[in-house]
Protein backbone atom coordinates (compact mmCIF):
# COMPACT_ATOMS: atom_id res chain seq x y z
CA UNK A 1 -2.28 -46.21 32.66
CA UNK A 2 -3.13 -45.27 29.07
CA UNK A 3 -6.54 -46.41 27.87
CA UNK A 4 -7.55 -46.48 24.20
CA UNK A 5 -10.93 -44.82 24.12
CA UNK A 6 -11.64 -45.34 20.41
CA UNK A 7 -10.49 -45.17 16.83
CA UNK A 8 -11.68 -43.55 13.61
CA UNK A 9 -10.50 -43.80 10.01
CA UNK A 10 -7.41 -41.72 10.74
CA UNK A 11 -7.16 -41.40 14.54
CA UNK A 12 -6.59 -43.45 17.65
CA UNK A 13 -7.54 -41.58 20.83
CA UNK A 14 -6.06 -42.60 24.20
CA UNK A 15 -6.17 -41.05 27.67
CA UNK A 16 -4.41 -41.53 30.98
CA UNK A 17 -6.91 -43.10 33.40
CA UNK A 18 -5.72 -40.79 36.21
CA UNK A 19 -7.50 -37.93 34.45
CA UNK A 20 -10.92 -37.36 36.09
CA UNK A 21 -12.26 -35.93 32.80
CA UNK A 22 -10.27 -38.21 30.50
CA UNK A 23 -13.27 -40.03 29.02
CA UNK A 24 -15.20 -36.78 28.39
CA UNK A 25 -12.26 -35.16 26.65
CA UNK A 26 -11.39 -38.26 24.61
CA UNK A 27 -14.98 -38.57 23.45
CA UNK A 28 -15.01 -34.93 22.37
CA UNK A 29 -11.92 -35.50 20.24
CA UNK A 30 -13.40 -38.67 18.76
CA UNK A 31 -16.58 -36.81 17.80
CA UNK A 32 -14.76 -34.00 15.99
CA UNK A 33 -11.38 -35.20 14.73
CA UNK A 34 -12.44 -36.67 11.39
CA UNK A 35 -14.55 -33.68 10.35
CA UNK A 36 -11.77 -31.29 11.37
CA UNK A 37 -9.15 -33.30 9.49
CA UNK A 38 -11.33 -33.28 6.37
CA UNK A 39 -11.66 -29.50 6.60
CA UNK A 40 -7.89 -29.08 7.05
CA UNK A 41 -7.16 -31.45 4.17
CA UNK A 42 -9.33 -29.18 1.97
CA UNK A 43 -7.07 -26.27 2.90
CA UNK A 44 -3.81 -28.17 2.47
CA UNK A 45 -4.57 -29.33 -1.07
CA UNK A 46 -1.87 -31.65 -2.34
CA UNK A 47 -0.42 -32.26 1.12
CA UNK A 48 -1.25 -35.68 2.53
CA UNK A 49 -1.09 -36.01 6.31
CA UNK A 50 -0.34 -39.43 7.85
CA UNK A 51 -3.30 -41.78 7.72
CA UNK A 52 -2.77 -42.96 11.31
CA UNK A 53 -2.57 -40.20 13.92
CA UNK A 54 -2.21 -41.12 17.58
CA UNK A 55 -3.69 -38.60 20.07
CA UNK A 56 -2.80 -39.14 23.73
CA UNK A 57 -4.27 -37.15 26.62
CA UNK A 58 -2.02 -36.96 29.70
CA UNK A 59 -1.81 -34.85 32.83
CA UNK A 60 0.17 -31.64 32.40
CA UNK A 61 0.21 -27.83 32.40
CA UNK A 62 -1.87 -27.44 29.25
CA UNK A 63 -0.93 -27.17 25.59
CA UNK A 64 0.20 -29.89 23.23
CA UNK A 65 3.12 -31.15 21.18
CA UNK A 66 3.63 -33.56 18.33
CA UNK A 67 6.35 -35.77 16.95
CA UNK A 68 5.70 -37.23 13.53
CA UNK A 69 2.09 -38.43 13.64
CA UNK A 70 1.89 -38.65 17.45
CA UNK A 71 0.08 -35.84 19.29
CA UNK A 72 0.32 -35.42 23.06
CA UNK A 73 -2.17 -33.13 24.82
CA UNK A 74 -1.30 -31.97 28.35
CA UNK A 75 -4.53 -31.77 30.31
CA UNK A 76 -5.11 -29.74 33.47
CA UNK A 77 -8.17 -28.88 35.56
CA UNK A 78 -9.09 -26.02 33.20
CA UNK A 79 -9.09 -28.13 30.05
CA UNK A 80 -12.58 -28.56 28.62
CA UNK A 81 -14.04 -30.34 25.61
CA UNK A 82 -14.10 -27.34 23.19
CA UNK A 83 -10.53 -26.49 24.15
CA UNK A 84 -9.13 -30.00 23.63
CA UNK A 85 -10.84 -30.30 20.25
CA UNK A 86 -9.33 -27.03 18.98
CA UNK A 87 -5.95 -28.02 20.42
CA UNK A 88 -5.95 -31.18 18.33
CA UNK A 89 -6.81 -29.07 15.26
CA UNK A 90 -3.73 -26.93 15.86
CA UNK A 91 -1.49 -30.00 16.14
CA UNK A 92 -2.96 -31.72 13.08
CA UNK A 93 -2.40 -28.49 11.19
CA UNK A 94 1.27 -28.56 12.23
CA UNK A 95 1.53 -32.15 10.95
CA UNK A 96 0.34 -30.87 7.56
CA UNK A 97 2.97 -28.12 7.78
CA UNK A 98 5.73 -30.64 8.43
CA UNK A 99 4.68 -32.79 5.47
CA UNK A 100 4.54 -29.78 3.14
CA UNK A 101 7.90 -28.45 4.34
CA UNK A 102 9.55 -31.85 3.83
CA UNK A 103 8.14 -32.05 0.30
CA UNK A 104 8.91 -28.49 -0.81
CA UNK A 105 11.89 -27.56 1.31
CA UNK A 106 10.11 -24.38 2.33
CA UNK A 107 6.86 -23.29 3.92
CA UNK A 108 5.22 -22.77 7.29
CA UNK A 109 7.27 -24.51 9.92
CA UNK A 110 6.03 -25.84 13.28
CA UNK A 111 8.05 -24.33 16.06
CA UNK A 112 8.67 -21.09 14.11
CA UNK A 113 6.66 -17.90 14.50
CA UNK A 114 4.77 -18.07 11.20
CA UNK A 115 3.89 -21.75 11.70
CA UNK A 116 2.72 -21.07 15.25
CA UNK A 117 0.62 -18.20 13.94
CA UNK A 118 -1.01 -20.38 11.29
CA UNK A 119 -1.84 -23.21 13.69
CA UNK A 120 -3.52 -20.74 16.05
CA UNK A 121 -5.41 -18.99 13.25
CA UNK A 122 -6.81 -22.20 11.79
CA UNK A 123 -7.79 -23.55 15.20
CA UNK A 124 -9.75 -20.35 15.75
CA UNK A 125 -11.18 -20.54 12.23
CA UNK A 126 -12.52 -24.06 12.67
CA UNK A 127 -13.86 -23.38 16.16
CA UNK A 128 -14.86 -19.69 16.24
CA UNK A 129 -16.93 -20.00 19.42
CA UNK A 130 -13.66 -20.19 21.38
CA UNK A 131 -11.45 -18.17 19.01
CA UNK A 132 -10.45 -15.83 21.82
CA UNK A 133 -8.58 -18.63 23.57
CA UNK A 134 -6.10 -18.43 20.69
CA UNK A 135 -5.89 -14.65 20.74
CA UNK A 136 -2.29 -13.42 20.87
CA UNK A 137 -2.23 -10.25 18.77
CA UNK A 138 -1.95 -7.97 21.83
CA UNK A 139 1.52 -9.43 22.36
CA UNK A 140 2.59 -7.64 19.18
CA UNK A 141 0.29 -4.61 19.26
CA UNK A 142 1.65 -3.60 22.68
CA UNK A 143 5.29 -4.27 21.79
CA UNK A 144 7.78 -2.34 19.67
CA UNK A 145 6.02 -3.93 16.66
CA UNK A 146 9.07 -5.56 15.11
CA UNK A 147 8.65 -6.78 11.55
CA UNK A 148 7.82 -10.49 11.92
CA UNK A 149 6.36 -10.50 8.41
CA UNK A 150 9.65 -9.97 6.60
CA UNK A 151 11.42 -11.97 9.32
CA UNK A 152 10.58 -15.31 10.97
CA UNK A 153 11.41 -16.01 14.62
CA UNK A 154 12.99 -19.50 14.89
CA UNK A 155 10.88 -20.53 17.88
CA UNK A 156 7.24 -20.69 18.97
CA UNK A 157 8.01 -19.13 22.36
CA UNK A 158 8.16 -15.45 21.36
CA UNK A 159 4.73 -13.90 21.89
CA UNK A 160 5.18 -10.73 19.78
CA UNK A 161 6.45 -12.70 16.77
CA UNK A 162 3.60 -15.20 16.57
CA UNK A 163 1.13 -12.50 17.63
CA UNK A 164 2.24 -10.56 14.54
CA UNK A 165 1.97 -13.71 12.41
CA UNK A 166 -1.58 -14.44 13.57
CA UNK A 167 -2.66 -10.87 12.92
CA UNK A 168 -1.03 -10.76 9.49
CA UNK A 169 -2.60 -14.05 8.35
CA UNK A 170 -6.04 -12.72 9.34
CA UNK A 171 -5.19 -9.53 7.41
CA UNK A 172 -4.43 -11.50 4.25
CA UNK A 173 -7.69 -13.44 4.56
CA UNK A 174 -10.22 -10.96 5.91
CA UNK A 175 -8.77 -7.63 4.70
CA UNK A 176 -7.29 -8.55 1.32
CA UNK A 177 -9.62 -11.47 0.59
CA UNK A 178 -7.18 -14.32 -0.06
CA UNK A 179 -8.54 -17.77 0.74
CA UNK A 180 -6.80 -20.06 3.21
CA UNK A 181 -6.14 -22.43 0.33
CA UNK A 182 -4.39 -19.68 -1.64
CA UNK A 183 -2.29 -18.68 1.37
CA UNK A 184 -1.25 -22.25 2.15
CA UNK A 185 -0.43 -22.91 -1.51
CA UNK A 186 1.80 -19.80 -1.40
CA UNK A 187 3.67 -21.15 1.64
CA UNK A 188 7.24 -19.99 2.08
CA UNK A 189 9.81 -19.34 4.77
CA UNK A 190 8.59 -15.82 5.62
CA UNK A 191 5.14 -14.27 5.57
CA UNK A 192 6.44 -11.50 3.31
CA UNK A 193 7.32 -14.05 0.63
CA UNK A 194 3.94 -15.74 1.13
CA UNK A 195 2.33 -12.36 0.43
CA UNK A 196 4.66 -11.72 -2.51
CA UNK A 197 3.66 -15.08 -3.97
CA UNK A 198 0.07 -13.82 -3.76
CA UNK A 199 0.99 -10.57 -5.54
CA UNK A 200 1.31 -8.29 -2.48
CA UNK A 201 4.68 -6.55 -2.74
CA UNK A 202 4.87 -4.20 0.23
CA UNK A 203 3.49 -6.71 2.71
CA UNK A 204 4.68 -5.42 6.05
CA UNK A 205 4.39 -1.75 5.11
CA UNK A 206 0.79 -2.07 3.95
CA UNK A 207 -0.23 -4.25 6.90
CA UNK A 208 1.47 -2.03 9.47
CA UNK A 209 -0.08 1.09 7.95
CA UNK A 210 -3.62 -0.32 8.14
CA UNK A 211 -3.08 -1.39 11.76
CA UNK A 212 -1.49 1.93 12.75
CA UNK A 213 -4.34 3.94 11.27
CA UNK A 214 -6.70 2.26 13.76
CA UNK A 215 -4.29 1.28 16.57
CA UNK A 216 -1.43 3.82 16.51
CA UNK A 217 2.02 2.47 17.33
CA UNK A 218 3.23 3.42 20.79
CA UNK A 219 -0.25 3.50 22.32
CA UNK A 220 -1.47 0.78 24.66
CA UNK A 221 -4.20 -1.35 23.09
CA UNK A 222 -6.62 -3.02 25.48
CA UNK A 223 -8.62 -6.19 24.94
CA UNK A 224 -11.78 -4.07 25.13
CA UNK A 225 -10.79 -2.38 21.84
CA UNK A 226 -10.77 -5.69 19.94
CA UNK A 227 -13.57 -7.91 18.64
CA UNK A 228 -14.62 -10.74 20.97
CA UNK A 229 -15.80 -14.34 20.66
CA UNK A 230 -19.07 -15.62 22.22
CA UNK A 231 -17.20 -16.39 25.45
CA UNK A 232 -16.20 -12.72 25.71
CA UNK A 233 -12.49 -13.10 24.91
CA UNK A 234 -10.64 -10.84 22.46
CA UNK A 235 -9.82 -12.46 19.13
CA UNK A 236 -7.03 -11.90 16.59
CA UNK A 237 -9.32 -11.26 13.63
CA UNK A 238 -9.63 -7.48 13.69
CA UNK A 239 -10.56 -7.28 10.02
CA UNK A 240 -11.78 -5.89 7.81
CA UNK A 241 -10.77 -2.45 9.03
CA UNK A 242 -11.78 0.57 7.00
CA UNK A 243 -8.89 1.51 4.72
CA UNK A 244 -9.74 4.53 2.63
CA UNK A 245 -7.48 5.28 -0.29
CA UNK A 246 -7.00 7.07 -3.59
CA UNK A 247 -4.93 5.38 -6.26
CA UNK A 248 -1.40 6.57 -7.06
CA UNK A 249 -1.56 5.16 -10.59
CA UNK A 250 -3.70 2.82 -12.67
CA UNK A 251 -1.97 -0.29 -11.30
CA UNK A 252 -2.60 0.66 -7.66
CA UNK A 253 -5.20 -1.55 -5.95
CA UNK A 254 -4.77 -0.05 -2.49
CA UNK A 255 -2.42 -2.74 -1.20
CA UNK A 256 1.07 -1.80 -2.37
CA UNK A 257 2.99 1.29 -3.39
CA UNK A 258 4.27 0.22 -6.78
CA UNK A 259 4.94 2.45 -9.75
CA UNK A 260 4.91 6.26 -9.70
CA UNK A 261 3.28 7.99 -6.75
CA UNK A 262 2.23 11.07 -8.72
CA UNK A 263 0.03 9.80 -11.56
CA UNK A 264 -3.25 9.50 -9.68
CA UNK A 265 -6.21 8.84 -11.99
CA UNK A 266 -8.56 9.56 -9.08
CA UNK A 267 -8.00 13.33 -9.11
CA UNK A 268 -10.08 14.70 -11.97
CA UNK A 269 -10.02 18.44 -12.74
CA UNK A 270 -12.67 19.76 -15.12
CA UNK A 271 -13.28 23.21 -16.60
CA UNK A 272 -17.05 22.82 -16.37
CA UNK A 273 -19.43 21.08 -13.99
CA UNK A 274 -20.25 17.39 -14.52
CA UNK A 275 -23.94 16.63 -14.04
CA UNK A 276 -23.60 13.02 -12.86
CA UNK A 277 -20.05 12.47 -11.56
CA UNK A 278 -20.77 9.13 -9.86
CA UNK A 279 -22.17 7.62 -13.06
CA UNK A 280 -19.62 9.33 -15.29
CA UNK A 281 -16.47 8.34 -13.40
CA UNK A 282 -17.41 4.91 -12.05
CA UNK A 283 -17.54 3.08 -15.39
CA UNK A 284 -14.87 0.49 -16.14
CA UNK A 285 -13.52 2.65 -18.97
CA UNK A 286 -13.27 5.73 -16.79
CA UNK A 287 -11.64 3.87 -13.90
CA UNK A 288 -9.02 2.55 -16.34
CA UNK A 289 -8.24 6.03 -17.70
CA UNK A 290 -5.70 8.54 -16.42
CA UNK A 291 -6.73 11.24 -18.89
CA UNK A 292 -10.14 12.28 -17.54
CA UNK A 293 -8.85 15.68 -16.43
CA UNK A 294 -9.02 18.65 -18.79
CA UNK A 295 -5.68 19.82 -20.18
CA UNK A 296 -5.61 23.25 -18.57
CA UNK A 297 -7.09 24.98 -15.55
CA UNK A 298 -8.98 28.02 -16.83
CA UNK A 299 -9.03 31.10 -14.62
CA UNK A 300 -11.87 32.93 -16.40
CA UNK A 301 -14.52 30.99 -14.45
CA UNK A 302 -14.94 28.30 -11.78
CA UNK A 303 -13.34 24.90 -12.30
CA UNK A 304 -14.34 21.63 -10.59
CA UNK A 305 -12.45 18.78 -8.92
CA UNK A 306 -13.88 15.26 -8.69
CA UNK A 307 -12.21 12.73 -6.39
CA UNK A 308 -12.66 8.97 -6.66
CA UNK A 309 -12.43 7.34 -3.22
CA UNK A 310 -12.03 3.63 -2.47
CA UNK A 311 -12.17 1.45 0.63
CA UNK A 312 -10.15 -1.73 0.96
CA UNK A 313 -11.78 -2.78 4.23
CA UNK A 314 -15.06 -2.53 6.11
CA UNK A 315 -17.93 -0.26 5.11
CA UNK A 316 -17.39 3.16 6.59
CA UNK A 317 -19.30 6.43 6.90
CA UNK A 318 -18.81 10.19 7.23
CA UNK A 319 -15.79 10.34 4.95
CA UNK A 320 -14.06 13.57 3.91
CA UNK A 321 -11.69 14.09 0.99
CA UNK A 322 -9.67 17.29 0.53
CA UNK A 323 -8.20 18.68 -2.70
CA UNK A 324 -5.16 20.97 -2.93
CA UNK A 325 -3.18 22.54 -5.78
CA UNK A 326 0.52 23.18 -6.14
CA UNK A 327 2.77 24.69 -8.80
CA UNK A 328 4.44 21.98 -10.93
CA UNK A 329 7.34 20.62 -8.90
CA UNK A 330 9.38 17.46 -8.59
CA UNK A 331 8.68 17.25 -4.85
CA UNK A 332 5.38 18.61 -3.56
CA UNK A 333 6.09 19.38 0.08
CA UNK A 334 3.21 20.45 2.36
CA UNK A 335 4.40 24.07 2.13
CA UNK A 336 3.30 24.03 -1.52
CA UNK A 337 -0.21 22.74 -0.79
CA UNK A 338 -2.93 25.31 -1.43
CA UNK A 339 -6.43 24.17 -0.39
CA UNK A 340 -9.15 24.02 -3.03
CA UNK A 341 -11.96 22.49 -0.96
CA UNK A 342 -13.49 19.36 0.51
CA UNK A 343 -15.98 16.70 -0.53
CA UNK A 344 -18.22 14.72 1.81
CA UNK A 345 -19.14 11.05 1.35
CA UNK A 346 -21.96 9.78 3.61
CA UNK A 347 -20.67 6.23 3.13
CA UNK A 348 -17.92 4.39 1.30
CA UNK A 349 -18.54 0.64 1.07
CA UNK A 350 -15.76 -1.89 1.39
CA UNK A 351 -14.71 -4.19 -1.39
CA UNK A 352 -13.23 -1.51 -3.65
CA UNK A 353 -16.53 0.03 -4.75
CA UNK A 354 -15.65 3.50 -6.00
CA UNK A 355 -17.39 6.59 -4.70
CA UNK A 356 -17.06 9.86 -6.62
CA UNK A 357 -17.50 13.25 -4.97
CA UNK A 358 -21.01 14.44 -5.75
CA UNK A 359 -21.23 17.31 -6.33
CA UNK A 360 -17.66 18.10 -7.24
CA UNK A 361 -15.42 20.45 -5.31
CA UNK A 362 -15.80 23.94 -6.74
CA UNK A 363 -12.50 25.69 -7.41
CA UNK A 364 -13.74 29.23 -7.43
CA UNK A 365 -12.46 31.64 -10.05
CA UNK A 366 -11.19 34.02 -7.39
CA UNK A 367 -8.92 31.33 -5.93
CA UNK A 368 -7.44 30.12 -9.21
CA UNK A 369 -3.95 31.47 -10.01
CA UNK A 370 -2.80 32.30 -13.54
CA UNK A 371 -4.02 29.84 -16.15
CA UNK A 372 -1.95 26.77 -16.94
CA UNK A 373 -0.89 23.41 -15.56
CA UNK A 374 -0.87 22.58 -11.86
CA UNK A 375 -0.10 19.66 -9.62
CA UNK A 376 -2.90 18.37 -7.45
CA UNK A 377 -2.94 16.64 -4.07
CA UNK A 378 -5.84 14.76 -2.48
CA UNK A 379 -6.30 13.22 0.95
CA UNK A 380 -9.12 11.14 2.41
CA UNK A 381 -10.22 9.90 5.82
CA UNK A 382 -12.76 9.95 8.62
CA UNK A 383 -12.75 9.85 12.42
CA UNK A 384 -11.67 6.20 12.55
CA UNK A 385 -9.21 6.47 9.68
CA UNK A 386 -7.88 10.05 9.85
CA UNK A 387 -6.80 11.90 6.73
CA UNK A 388 -3.42 13.66 6.81
CA UNK A 389 -3.10 17.44 6.75
CA UNK A 390 0.00 19.57 6.14
CA UNK A 391 0.46 19.68 9.92
CA UNK A 392 0.56 15.87 10.19
CA UNK A 393 4.25 15.74 9.33
CA UNK A 394 6.77 16.78 11.99
CA UNK A 395 9.72 16.75 9.60
CA UNK A 396 10.69 15.56 6.15
CA UNK A 397 11.66 12.07 7.30
CA UNK A 398 8.23 11.68 8.91
CA UNK A 399 6.67 12.87 5.64
CA UNK A 400 8.57 10.26 3.59
CA UNK A 401 7.75 7.51 6.10
CA UNK A 402 4.05 8.41 6.06
CA UNK A 403 3.85 8.42 2.28
CA UNK A 404 5.61 5.07 2.08
CA UNK A 405 3.27 3.48 4.64
CA UNK A 406 -0.10 5.09 3.80
CA UNK A 407 -2.33 5.33 0.76
CA UNK A 408 -4.84 7.94 1.91
CA UNK A 409 -2.82 10.67 0.21
CA UNK A 410 -2.02 10.94 -3.48
CA UNK A 411 -0.86 13.34 -6.19
CA UNK A 412 -1.66 14.13 -9.78
CA UNK A 413 1.65 15.58 -10.91
CA UNK A 414 0.75 14.56 -14.43
CA UNK A 415 0.10 17.04 -17.22
CA UNK A 416 -1.25 16.48 -20.72
CA UNK A 417 0.32 18.92 -23.16
CA UNK A 418 -0.77 19.59 -26.74
CA UNK A 419 2.31 20.24 -28.86
CA UNK A 420 0.24 22.60 -31.02
CA UNK A 421 0.33 25.34 -28.39
CA UNK A 422 3.83 25.25 -27.01
CA UNK A 423 6.19 26.37 -29.75
CA UNK A 424 7.75 29.37 -28.06
CA UNK A 425 9.68 32.48 -29.01
CA UNK A 426 12.33 34.42 -27.10
CA UNK A 427 15.00 32.34 -25.37
CA UNK A 428 13.03 29.13 -26.04
CA UNK A 429 12.31 29.89 -29.71
CA UNK A 430 11.25 26.80 -31.63
CA UNK A 431 11.24 24.62 -28.51
CA UNK A 432 8.56 23.16 -26.31
CA UNK A 433 9.29 24.61 -22.87
CA UNK A 434 7.96 22.77 -19.81
CA UNK A 435 8.53 24.84 -16.64
CA UNK A 436 8.71 23.27 -13.18
CA UNK A 437 10.35 23.62 -9.78
CA UNK A 438 13.05 21.39 -8.35
CA UNK A 439 12.20 21.52 -4.66
CA UNK A 440 13.89 20.56 -1.41
CA UNK A 441 12.69 19.52 2.02
CA UNK A 442 11.25 22.25 4.19
CA UNK A 443 13.15 21.49 7.38
CA UNK A 444 16.81 21.09 6.43
CA UNK A 445 19.27 20.77 3.56
CA UNK A 446 19.19 17.25 2.15
CA UNK A 447 20.75 15.31 -0.71
CA UNK A 448 18.39 14.19 -3.47
CA UNK A 449 18.82 12.24 -6.68
CA UNK A 450 17.37 13.46 -9.98
CA UNK A 451 16.52 11.37 -13.02
CA UNK A 452 14.88 12.04 -16.38
CA UNK A 453 12.60 9.32 -17.77
CA UNK A 454 11.83 9.83 -21.46
CA UNK A 455 9.81 7.99 -24.06
CA UNK A 456 10.33 10.39 -26.95
CA UNK A 457 11.16 9.79 -30.63
CA UNK A 458 14.85 9.08 -31.18
CA UNK A 459 15.49 12.27 -33.15
CA UNK A 460 14.01 14.47 -30.44
CA UNK A 461 16.35 16.96 -28.83
CA UNK A 462 15.77 16.97 -25.05
CA UNK A 463 17.45 19.47 -22.73
CA UNK A 464 17.21 20.13 -19.00
CA UNK A 465 17.80 23.77 -18.13
CA UNK A 466 18.71 24.58 -14.51
CA UNK A 467 20.56 27.41 -12.79
CA UNK A 468 24.30 27.12 -13.37
CA UNK A 469 25.04 26.95 -9.65
CA UNK A 470 22.78 23.91 -9.29
CA UNK A 471 24.19 22.16 -12.35
CA UNK A 472 27.75 22.51 -11.04
CA UNK A 473 26.80 20.81 -7.76
CA UNK A 474 25.72 17.46 -9.23
CA UNK A 475 27.69 14.46 -8.06
CA UNK A 476 29.21 13.01 -10.19
CA UNK A 477 30.19 16.19 -12.03
CA UNK A 478 28.38 16.87 -15.27
CA UNK A 479 30.76 16.84 -18.23
CA UNK A 480 28.42 17.72 -21.08
CA UNK A 481 26.49 20.98 -20.85
CA UNK A 482 26.08 24.40 -22.41
CA UNK A 483 26.27 27.70 -20.55
CA UNK A 484 23.31 29.95 -21.26
CA UNK A 485 21.82 33.21 -20.07
CA UNK A 486 18.08 33.42 -19.57
CA UNK A 487 16.25 36.27 -17.87
CA UNK A 488 12.80 34.77 -18.39
CA UNK A 489 13.27 31.63 -16.30
CA UNK A 490 14.43 33.62 -13.28
CA UNK A 491 15.37 37.31 -13.63
CA UNK A 492 17.45 37.10 -10.44
CA UNK A 493 19.37 34.03 -11.57
CA UNK A 494 20.20 34.48 -15.27
CA UNK A 495 23.19 32.15 -15.50
CA UNK A 496 21.76 28.86 -16.69
CA UNK A 497 23.08 25.45 -17.63
CA UNK A 498 21.55 23.42 -20.47
CA UNK A 499 22.16 19.68 -20.08
CA UNK A 500 21.49 17.38 -23.07
CA UNK A 501 19.42 14.32 -22.21
CA UNK A 502 18.90 11.12 -24.16
CA UNK A 503 15.33 11.19 -25.53
CA UNK A 504 14.60 7.56 -24.68
CA UNK A 505 15.18 5.64 -21.44
CA UNK A 506 16.33 6.70 -17.97
CA UNK A 507 19.06 9.30 -17.55
CA UNK A 508 20.32 9.71 -13.99
CA UNK A 509 21.80 13.18 -13.49
CA UNK A 510 23.30 12.39 -10.09
CA UNK A 511 22.89 13.62 -6.52
CA UNK A 512 22.61 17.23 -5.45
CA UNK A 513 22.14 18.98 -2.12
CA UNK A 514 19.07 21.20 -1.98
CA UNK A 515 18.79 23.76 0.77
CA UNK A 516 15.81 23.86 3.07
CA UNK A 517 12.66 24.95 1.22
CA UNK A 518 14.57 25.29 -2.07
CA UNK A 519 12.36 26.08 -5.08
CA UNK A 520 14.60 26.10 -8.12
CA UNK A 521 13.03 27.35 -11.37
CA UNK A 522 13.85 24.84 -14.12
CA UNK A 523 12.70 23.79 -17.59
CA UNK A 524 12.59 20.77 -19.81
CA UNK A 525 13.18 21.93 -23.40
CA UNK A 526 12.11 19.76 -26.32
CA UNK A 527 12.84 20.17 -30.01
CA UNK A 528 10.28 17.90 -31.60
CA UNK A 529 10.88 16.16 -34.95
CA UNK A 530 8.27 17.31 -37.46
CA UNK A 531 7.12 13.85 -38.50
CA UNK A 532 6.23 12.54 -35.05
CA UNK A 533 2.88 14.14 -34.31
CA UNK A 534 0.68 11.07 -34.53
CA UNK A 535 1.21 9.37 -31.16
CA UNK A 536 1.49 10.61 -27.55
CA UNK A 537 4.86 10.49 -25.80
CA UNK A 538 5.86 10.97 -22.17
CA UNK A 539 8.73 12.54 -20.30
CA UNK A 540 9.14 12.79 -16.52
CA UNK A 541 11.51 14.17 -13.90
CA UNK A 542 11.90 11.86 -10.92
CA UNK A 543 13.31 12.86 -7.52
CA UNK A 544 14.66 10.33 -5.02
CA UNK A 545 15.73 10.46 -1.39
CA UNK A 546 17.89 7.71 0.11
CA UNK A 547 17.13 5.58 -2.94
CA UNK A 548 13.33 5.94 -2.70
CA UNK A 549 11.12 7.92 -5.03
CA UNK A 550 9.64 10.91 -3.22
CA UNK A 551 8.41 12.95 -6.16
CA UNK A 552 7.85 12.95 -9.89
CA UNK A 553 6.35 15.22 -12.51
CA UNK A 554 5.19 13.75 -15.81
CA UNK A 555 4.17 15.36 -19.07
CA UNK A 556 2.29 13.50 -21.80
CA UNK A 557 2.84 15.19 -25.14
CA UNK A 558 -0.16 14.58 -27.36
CA UNK A 559 -0.55 15.14 -31.11
CA UNK A 560 -2.03 18.34 -32.46
CA UNK A 561 -5.74 17.63 -32.41
CA UNK A 562 -6.76 20.70 -34.35
CA UNK A 563 -4.23 23.33 -35.34
CA UNK A 564 -7.05 25.87 -35.41
CA UNK A 565 -7.71 25.37 -31.68
CA UNK A 566 -6.97 28.24 -29.34
CA UNK A 567 -5.23 27.55 -26.08
CA UNK A 568 -8.06 27.82 -23.58
CA UNK A 569 -6.92 29.86 -20.60
């Protein structure tokens, strides 16, 4: 027979009198339910749960269910007071979900994987002493790791799907720093859209990359490797994990790969030593600048590389960053990486506090090639968060996948060019000539797309010069070009094609197959209008593979600062 044990402002608690511990469990719920509901209501701002919730304790296998505002808890011999209290929290949370979903037509849904994940996470959050009883992340970690962030499983019976959801929600809160209120206010039908509503664009990719750096996919993860609650059970809050990164561009905050991958402001190349690099390059103005590097590398003496390193997660120690150089190329494959040196960081705190290599990495004069512009690569990591090396990548597809999923590798394929120094003679007479390589994958012939992105004055004449054989292979066929002979670009490949390009906007050239390890000598040629020397302008060559950007080289053309300057080389 059901016995009403007591009531509160919002709850009526009943128990079946056949339960030997019915009174104890009912009293535990009575003592906690109002405080827990108040806490949940503070998270579900604007969502009003029913004012009269009926909680009934009956004999059963464990667990609970709800219908409307009625909660049924199925009690067995292992059910104790802390457990029943947290169980009611999970069900009250699902009542809030139902109300929000009915009002908005979208959101966390009880009975679906992301709703099940949220109910478990908040039960653990409100009662951390028994958080491990809600731990389910191993279900996903030790599975094929399907993407249950972008997708939602339409049931609460699939362990890997709600294990992924629980882990991802903890990632948003404890790794990225979003409050539970923010996450609940961003509610939607998938966790990826929840994250997008919070400003995180590459939700699953970023999350999966952080997890894989500490718990590699395909390896068995044991409960002993995870944090534990006071009872000794593994919990789903693994965060924050150390997540070392260097920015790809000024908009990069370490969470998503948006914008160009090759404009890193955190690789700074200087012709002379900087006395206080940490103080110099940690100011707000410096962090917001992508022009800290000197224009040219000078081969008459040592140069210096300073790397800014960040950490999205937990404080970490014994960090190493490595700098490499490459000739200017659209795609900087590992075969083009030439090591410059390494920097050591005793510690890198979490919370995006920048650390600058001190002292800088010395690029010795003997190791510097001919003077000019170069592309630069930097990697970062430590024992718990390994940095990639050229040998990390088994093939080109693995290389692309790694770059897309990880942010502990970056490029500075970004050159500042003074127009005062680049008026050339010979075959490029009167033009600004910007040499670079169009490169292919190292393992096999592959089809790439090429695109020119220009922000030049309208009366600028912009030309792409490539070998004739390459130009004739573009798909679709190029219809506007000029045949040319040029022994300076490549003495063994004199037949060239000059392709006119619009000086403003994006011009897609088409797709072309590049042989394995192709390194095709090419130029951008610019005839600059004489009255446009007051403002900087940019032009870039972008290379794509299967629709994704895999490489880019950018030139910023700056006004003549002093026509009496010599080119420093």
